[in-house]
N, C-alpha and C. Protein backbone atom coordinates (compact mmCIF):
# COMPACT_ATOMS: atom_id res chain seq x y z
N UNK A 1 105.76 120.13 94.16
CA UNK A 1 104.83 119.08 94.41
C UNK A 1 104.49 119.06 95.92
N UNK A 2 103.24 118.96 96.29
CA UNK A 2 102.91 118.83 97.69
C UNK A 2 102.97 117.47 98.22
N UNK A 3 103.03 117.34 99.63
CA UNK A 3 103.05 116.05 100.32
C UNK A 3 101.86 115.34 99.79
N UNK A 4 100.67 115.91 99.74
CA UNK A 4 99.52 115.17 99.31
C UNK A 4 99.66 114.57 97.95
N UNK A 5 100.15 115.41 97.02
CA UNK A 5 100.34 114.95 95.62
C UNK A 5 101.38 113.70 95.57
N UNK A 6 102.42 113.84 96.40
CA UNK A 6 103.41 112.75 96.50
C UNK A 6 102.83 111.49 97.01
N UNK A 7 102.07 111.58 98.10
CA UNK A 7 101.47 110.35 98.72
C UNK A 7 100.23 109.90 97.94
N UNK A 8 99.52 110.74 97.29
CA UNK A 8 98.37 110.35 96.62
C UNK A 8 97.07 110.33 97.43
N UNK A 9 97.20 110.80 98.63
CA UNK A 9 96.06 111.00 99.56
C UNK A 9 96.25 112.16 100.48
N UNK A 10 95.23 112.41 101.23
CA UNK A 10 95.20 113.47 102.18
C UNK A 10 95.09 113.04 103.65
N UNK A 11 95.25 111.80 103.97
CA UNK A 11 95.15 111.25 105.23
C UNK A 11 96.18 111.86 106.20
N UNK A 12 95.89 111.86 107.53
CA UNK A 12 96.79 112.51 108.51
C UNK A 12 98.16 111.77 108.73
N UNK A 13 98.17 110.46 108.46
CA UNK A 13 99.43 109.72 108.60
C UNK A 13 99.84 109.16 107.23
N UNK A 14 101.18 108.98 107.13
CA UNK A 14 101.72 108.54 105.79
C UNK A 14 102.94 107.66 106.10
N UNK A 15 102.90 106.45 105.60
CA UNK A 15 104.27 105.60 105.64
C UNK A 15 103.94 104.63 104.51
N UNK A 16 105.01 103.74 104.32
CA UNK A 16 104.97 102.73 103.29
C UNK A 16 103.89 101.78 103.44
N UNK A 17 103.54 101.42 104.63
CA UNK A 17 102.60 100.41 104.87
C UNK A 17 101.12 100.95 104.79
N UNK A 18 100.87 102.20 105.00
CA UNK A 18 99.55 102.68 104.88
C UNK A 18 99.10 103.50 103.73
N UNK A 19 100.09 104.14 102.99
CA UNK A 19 99.79 104.97 101.95
C UNK A 19 98.92 104.26 100.97
N UNK A 20 99.17 103.02 100.51
CA UNK A 20 98.32 102.34 99.53
C UNK A 20 96.89 102.29 99.93
N UNK A 21 96.64 102.04 101.28
CA UNK A 21 95.29 101.92 101.75
C UNK A 21 94.48 103.19 101.46
N UNK A 22 95.16 104.42 101.89
CA UNK A 22 94.50 105.62 101.70
C UNK A 22 94.34 106.07 100.22
N UNK A 23 95.30 105.60 99.37
CA UNK A 23 95.06 105.90 97.98
C UNK A 23 93.99 105.15 97.50
N UNK A 24 93.73 103.84 97.88
CA UNK A 24 92.62 103.07 97.51
C UNK A 24 91.31 103.79 97.89
N UNK A 25 91.26 104.19 99.07
CA UNK A 25 90.08 105.03 99.45
C UNK A 25 89.76 106.15 98.61
N UNK A 26 90.73 106.86 98.13
CA UNK A 26 90.68 108.04 97.23
C UNK A 26 89.98 107.67 95.95
N UNK A 27 90.22 106.29 95.53
CA UNK A 27 89.66 105.86 94.27
C UNK A 27 88.46 104.97 94.43
N UNK A 28 87.96 104.84 95.76
CA UNK A 28 86.75 104.16 95.97
C UNK A 28 87.04 102.67 96.08
N UNK A 29 88.24 102.25 96.58
CA UNK A 29 88.59 100.79 96.57
C UNK A 29 89.07 100.59 97.97
N UNK A 30 88.63 99.43 98.51
CA UNK A 30 89.00 98.93 99.92
C UNK A 30 90.20 97.95 99.64
N UNK A 31 91.41 98.26 100.16
CA UNK A 31 92.60 97.42 99.92
C UNK A 31 93.16 96.90 101.13
N UNK A 32 93.71 95.68 101.00
CA UNK A 32 94.46 95.00 102.09
C UNK A 32 95.79 94.64 101.47
N UNK A 33 96.66 94.22 102.32
CA UNK A 33 97.90 93.64 101.90
C UNK A 33 97.89 92.23 101.69
N UNK A 34 98.52 91.72 100.62
CA UNK A 34 98.65 90.23 100.39
C UNK A 34 100.19 89.95 100.24
N UNK A 35 100.51 88.90 101.07
CA UNK A 35 102.00 88.52 101.01
C UNK A 35 102.37 87.95 99.67
N UNK A 36 103.48 88.54 99.05
CA UNK A 36 103.95 88.06 97.85
C UNK A 36 104.50 86.70 97.90
N UNK A 37 104.97 86.25 98.98
CA UNK A 37 105.51 84.85 99.18
C UNK A 37 104.56 83.72 99.44
N UNK A 38 103.56 83.98 100.51
CA UNK A 38 102.57 82.95 100.87
C UNK A 38 101.21 83.26 100.60
N UNK A 39 100.92 84.48 100.04
CA UNK A 39 99.50 84.82 99.70
C UNK A 39 98.64 85.16 100.92
N UNK A 40 99.20 85.20 102.14
CA UNK A 40 98.33 85.53 103.26
C UNK A 40 97.82 87.04 103.15
N UNK A 41 96.59 87.16 103.50
CA UNK A 41 96.02 88.63 103.52
C UNK A 41 96.22 89.16 104.82
N UNK A 42 96.51 90.46 104.95
CA UNK A 42 96.68 91.07 106.32
C UNK A 42 96.08 92.37 106.27
N UNK A 43 95.35 92.65 107.41
CA UNK A 43 94.89 94.04 107.70
C UNK A 43 94.80 94.12 109.25
N UNK A 44 95.25 94.99 109.74
CA UNK A 44 95.83 96.19 109.47
C UNK A 44 97.18 95.98 108.75
N UNK A 45 97.46 96.92 107.89
CA UNK A 45 98.81 96.84 107.22
C UNK A 45 99.89 96.69 108.21
N UNK A 46 100.98 95.99 107.73
CA UNK A 46 102.18 95.88 108.54
C UNK A 46 103.40 95.63 107.67
N UNK A 47 104.61 95.91 108.16
CA UNK A 47 105.81 95.69 107.33
C UNK A 47 106.01 94.26 106.99
N UNK A 48 105.70 93.28 107.78
CA UNK A 48 106.12 91.89 107.53
C UNK A 48 104.92 91.06 107.66
N UNK A 49 104.95 89.83 106.96
CA UNK A 49 103.75 88.89 106.96
C UNK A 49 103.93 88.13 108.29
N UNK A 50 102.86 88.00 109.01
CA UNK A 50 102.81 87.20 110.24
C UNK A 50 103.01 85.71 110.07
N UNK A 51 102.88 85.20 108.93
CA UNK A 51 102.93 83.78 108.61
C UNK A 51 104.44 83.42 108.25
N UNK A 52 104.91 84.16 107.28
CA UNK A 52 106.25 83.68 106.77
C UNK A 52 107.31 84.80 106.86
N UNK A 53 107.00 85.95 107.55
CA UNK A 53 107.89 87.00 107.81
C UNK A 53 108.44 87.78 106.59
N UNK A 54 107.98 87.51 105.38
CA UNK A 54 108.29 88.13 104.16
C UNK A 54 107.99 89.71 104.36
N UNK A 55 108.87 90.54 103.73
CA UNK A 55 108.67 91.96 103.74
C UNK A 55 108.02 92.36 102.40
N UNK A 56 107.80 91.51 101.49
CA UNK A 56 107.20 91.76 100.25
C UNK A 56 105.70 91.48 100.27
N UNK A 57 104.93 92.47 99.57
CA UNK A 57 103.54 92.38 99.59
C UNK A 57 103.04 93.08 98.35
N UNK A 58 101.72 92.91 98.10
CA UNK A 58 101.11 93.51 96.89
C UNK A 58 99.73 93.96 97.46
N UNK A 59 99.14 94.89 96.66
CA UNK A 59 97.73 95.37 97.05
C UNK A 59 96.77 94.27 96.62
N UNK A 60 95.80 94.18 97.43
CA UNK A 60 94.69 93.23 97.15
C UNK A 60 93.38 94.01 97.36
N UNK A 61 92.52 94.03 96.43
CA UNK A 61 91.22 94.67 96.55
C UNK A 61 90.19 93.69 97.21
N UNK A 62 89.56 94.19 98.25
CA UNK A 62 88.50 93.50 98.92
C UNK A 62 87.23 93.90 98.33
N UNK A 63 86.28 92.92 98.43
CA UNK A 63 84.90 93.16 97.89
C UNK A 63 84.10 94.19 98.58
N UNK A 64 84.50 94.38 99.92
CA UNK A 64 83.69 95.28 100.76
C UNK A 64 82.61 94.58 101.39
N UNK A 65 82.43 93.35 101.28
CA UNK A 65 81.34 92.58 101.84
C UNK A 65 81.76 91.78 102.97
N UNK A 66 81.00 91.70 104.09
CA UNK A 66 81.30 90.82 105.26
C UNK A 66 80.13 90.81 106.24
N UNK A 67 80.47 90.25 107.43
CA UNK A 67 79.45 90.09 108.48
C UNK A 67 79.97 90.62 109.68
N UNK A 68 79.19 91.26 110.54
CA UNK A 68 79.65 91.86 111.86
C UNK A 68 80.09 90.68 112.70
N UNK A 69 81.28 90.79 113.23
CA UNK A 69 81.92 89.84 114.14
C UNK A 69 81.62 90.33 115.57
N UNK A 70 81.83 91.67 115.69
CA UNK A 70 81.62 92.25 117.09
C UNK A 70 81.36 93.79 116.78
N UNK A 71 80.88 94.47 117.82
CA UNK A 71 80.72 95.92 117.74
C UNK A 71 80.71 96.61 119.13
N UNK A 72 80.84 97.84 119.08
CA UNK A 72 80.72 98.77 120.22
C UNK A 72 79.97 99.97 119.82
N UNK A 73 79.41 100.57 120.72
CA UNK A 73 78.69 102.04 120.46
C UNK A 73 79.64 103.08 120.98
N UNK A 74 80.19 103.94 120.10
CA UNK A 74 80.93 105.04 120.62
C UNK A 74 80.04 106.26 121.08
N UNK A 75 80.32 106.71 122.31
CA UNK A 75 79.65 107.77 122.83
C UNK A 75 80.53 108.97 123.18
N UNK A 76 81.70 108.74 123.67
CA UNK A 76 82.50 109.81 124.06
C UNK A 76 83.95 109.41 123.87
N UNK A 77 84.87 110.36 123.46
CA UNK A 77 84.61 111.76 123.24
C UNK A 77 84.00 111.95 121.79
N UNK A 78 83.30 113.05 121.63
CA UNK A 78 82.84 113.34 120.35
C UNK A 78 84.02 113.36 119.34
N UNK A 79 83.78 112.81 118.11
CA UNK A 79 84.86 112.93 117.10
C UNK A 79 84.48 113.84 115.90
N UNK A 80 85.31 114.58 115.30
CA UNK A 80 84.90 115.40 114.23
C UNK A 80 84.35 114.42 113.09
N UNK A 81 83.32 114.91 112.50
CA UNK A 81 82.61 114.09 111.37
C UNK A 81 81.71 112.98 111.81
N UNK A 82 81.56 112.80 113.06
CA UNK A 82 80.74 111.75 113.63
C UNK A 82 79.61 112.19 114.49
N UNK A 83 78.51 111.79 114.34
CA UNK A 83 77.35 112.12 115.40
C UNK A 83 77.57 111.06 116.46
N UNK A 84 77.28 111.29 117.68
CA UNK A 84 77.27 110.33 118.74
C UNK A 84 75.90 110.05 119.24
N UNK A 85 75.51 108.90 119.61
CA UNK A 85 76.31 107.73 119.50
C UNK A 85 76.44 107.14 118.16
N UNK A 86 77.53 106.42 117.80
CA UNK A 86 77.63 105.77 116.56
C UNK A 86 78.24 104.42 116.74
N UNK A 87 77.88 103.43 115.90
CA UNK A 87 78.39 102.09 116.03
C UNK A 87 79.80 102.00 115.41
N UNK A 88 80.65 101.17 116.03
CA UNK A 88 81.87 100.78 115.39
C UNK A 88 81.98 99.34 115.33
N UNK A 89 82.16 98.78 114.14
CA UNK A 89 82.02 97.30 113.94
C UNK A 89 83.34 96.71 113.55
N UNK A 90 83.50 95.48 114.00
CA UNK A 90 84.65 94.56 113.54
C UNK A 90 83.90 93.58 112.59
N UNK A 91 84.42 93.57 111.30
CA UNK A 91 83.77 92.93 110.28
C UNK A 91 84.60 91.76 109.74
N UNK A 92 84.13 90.55 109.73
CA UNK A 92 84.85 89.41 108.99
C UNK A 92 84.53 89.53 107.62
N UNK A 93 85.48 90.00 106.84
CA UNK A 93 85.32 90.26 105.29
C UNK A 93 85.26 88.86 104.69
N UNK A 94 84.57 88.79 103.52
CA UNK A 94 84.36 87.48 102.91
C UNK A 94 85.75 86.90 102.45
N UNK A 95 86.75 87.73 102.25
CA UNK A 95 88.05 87.28 101.83
C UNK A 95 88.90 86.67 103.01
N UNK A 96 88.37 86.87 104.30
CA UNK A 96 89.05 86.14 105.34
C UNK A 96 89.88 87.10 106.33
N UNK A 97 89.81 88.51 106.13
CA UNK A 97 90.45 89.30 107.00
C UNK A 97 89.43 90.08 107.84
N UNK A 98 89.77 90.68 108.86
CA UNK A 98 88.78 91.44 109.61
C UNK A 98 89.17 92.95 109.56
N UNK A 99 88.17 93.74 109.43
CA UNK A 99 88.32 95.18 109.34
C UNK A 99 87.56 95.81 110.41
N UNK A 100 88.11 96.92 111.07
CA UNK A 100 87.31 97.74 111.97
C UNK A 100 86.93 98.95 111.31
N UNK A 101 85.73 99.41 111.56
CA UNK A 101 85.26 100.61 110.75
C UNK A 101 84.00 101.14 111.41
N UNK A 102 83.70 102.36 111.19
CA UNK A 102 82.43 103.03 111.68
C UNK A 102 81.22 102.44 110.97
N UNK A 103 80.14 102.52 111.62
CA UNK A 103 78.92 102.24 110.96
C UNK A 103 78.00 103.32 111.20
N UNK A 104 78.44 104.59 111.09
CA UNK A 104 77.63 105.77 111.31
C UNK A 104 76.72 105.83 110.30
N UNK A 105 75.47 106.49 110.68
CA UNK A 105 74.34 106.52 109.84
C UNK A 105 73.40 105.33 110.00
N UNK A 106 73.83 104.38 110.82
CA UNK A 106 72.94 103.21 111.15
C UNK A 106 72.57 103.36 112.66
N UNK A 107 71.24 103.34 112.96
CA UNK A 107 70.90 103.43 114.35
C UNK A 107 71.61 102.38 115.14
N UNK A 108 72.16 102.78 116.32
CA UNK A 108 72.91 101.63 117.20
C UNK A 108 72.03 100.53 117.41
N UNK A 109 70.73 100.69 117.65
CA UNK A 109 69.92 99.42 118.03
C UNK A 109 69.67 98.59 116.75
N UNK A 110 69.99 98.96 115.63
CA UNK A 110 69.89 98.07 114.49
C UNK A 110 71.07 97.22 114.15
N UNK A 111 72.20 97.40 114.77
CA UNK A 111 73.41 96.65 114.57
C UNK A 111 73.34 95.40 115.38
N UNK A 112 73.67 94.18 114.71
CA UNK A 112 73.69 92.95 115.33
C UNK A 112 74.89 92.07 114.83
N UNK A 113 75.39 91.37 115.79
CA UNK A 113 76.41 90.29 115.38
C UNK A 113 75.82 89.39 114.34
N UNK A 114 76.60 89.16 113.28
CA UNK A 114 76.20 88.29 112.21
C UNK A 114 75.54 88.95 111.07
N UNK A 115 75.10 90.23 111.28
CA UNK A 115 74.41 90.94 110.02
C UNK A 115 75.41 91.21 108.98
N UNK A 116 74.90 91.07 107.78
CA UNK A 116 75.66 91.35 106.49
C UNK A 116 75.82 92.95 106.42
N UNK A 117 77.05 93.23 106.00
CA UNK A 117 77.32 94.68 105.74
C UNK A 117 78.21 94.87 104.49
N UNK A 118 78.28 95.96 104.02
CA UNK A 118 79.04 96.41 102.83
C UNK A 118 79.74 97.72 103.01
N UNK A 119 80.93 97.84 102.57
CA UNK A 119 81.67 99.13 102.65
C UNK A 119 81.05 100.14 101.79
N UNK A 120 81.02 101.34 102.37
CA UNK A 120 80.48 102.60 101.68
C UNK A 120 81.52 103.62 101.74
N UNK A 121 81.90 104.34 100.68
CA UNK A 121 82.95 105.29 100.65
C UNK A 121 82.41 106.61 100.88
N UNK A 122 83.12 107.40 101.66
CA UNK A 122 82.68 108.73 102.10
C UNK A 122 83.92 109.68 102.21
N UNK A 123 83.63 110.83 102.62
CA UNK A 123 84.80 111.82 102.88
C UNK A 123 84.45 112.37 104.40
N UNK A 124 85.43 112.53 105.12
CA UNK A 124 85.47 113.20 106.35
C UNK A 124 86.22 114.38 106.31
N UNK A 125 85.67 115.59 106.00
CA UNK A 125 86.37 116.69 105.73
C UNK A 125 87.08 116.53 104.26
N UNK A 126 88.39 116.69 104.21
CA UNK A 126 89.08 116.46 102.92
C UNK A 126 89.85 115.12 102.97
N UNK A 127 89.48 114.21 103.85
CA UNK A 127 90.10 112.90 103.83
C UNK A 127 89.15 111.77 103.44
N UNK A 128 89.50 110.97 102.39
CA UNK A 128 88.77 109.87 101.98
C UNK A 128 88.67 108.79 102.97
N UNK A 129 87.42 108.23 103.28
CA UNK A 129 87.25 107.31 104.32
C UNK A 129 86.27 106.24 103.82
N UNK A 130 85.93 105.24 104.67
CA UNK A 130 84.88 104.32 104.37
C UNK A 130 84.11 104.12 105.70
N UNK A 131 82.92 103.54 105.58
CA UNK A 131 82.14 103.10 106.72
C UNK A 131 81.38 101.82 106.15
N UNK A 132 80.79 101.23 107.08
CA UNK A 132 79.92 99.98 106.76
C UNK A 132 78.50 100.40 106.82
N UNK A 133 77.74 99.72 106.02
CA UNK A 133 76.27 99.87 105.95
C UNK A 133 75.66 98.47 105.89
N UNK A 134 74.42 98.43 106.33
CA UNK A 134 73.59 97.06 106.15
C UNK A 134 73.66 96.74 104.72
N UNK A 135 73.91 95.52 104.45
CA UNK A 135 73.93 95.06 103.07
C UNK A 135 72.51 94.80 102.53
């Protein structure tokens, strides 16, 4: 059995806190952690809840919908799989967590704080990924 088969994803990093996220992307689902003790959602994944310090958590599927809280336009260095310039957005998801993600495929001058966006699943080489698009 290969490492990819064991992890269930082909992302470049692998650990207990991130594997579920990449497996979700492989199946077209955007996942966050939800604390099993206090139900706080968290993203980026982490080993412990910031509210109650519990180490126990479960997967929680996000709708993929949110609004741009902030953004920047990435120019340099060029990144494999991305045209430059491309927007990178910080999104307030409707469930209450923030996610950082690319908004490639959207002209930089069309991105605005407060605009509605939705996650779109894609592949970057052989790695499952997501990006945001105008809703």
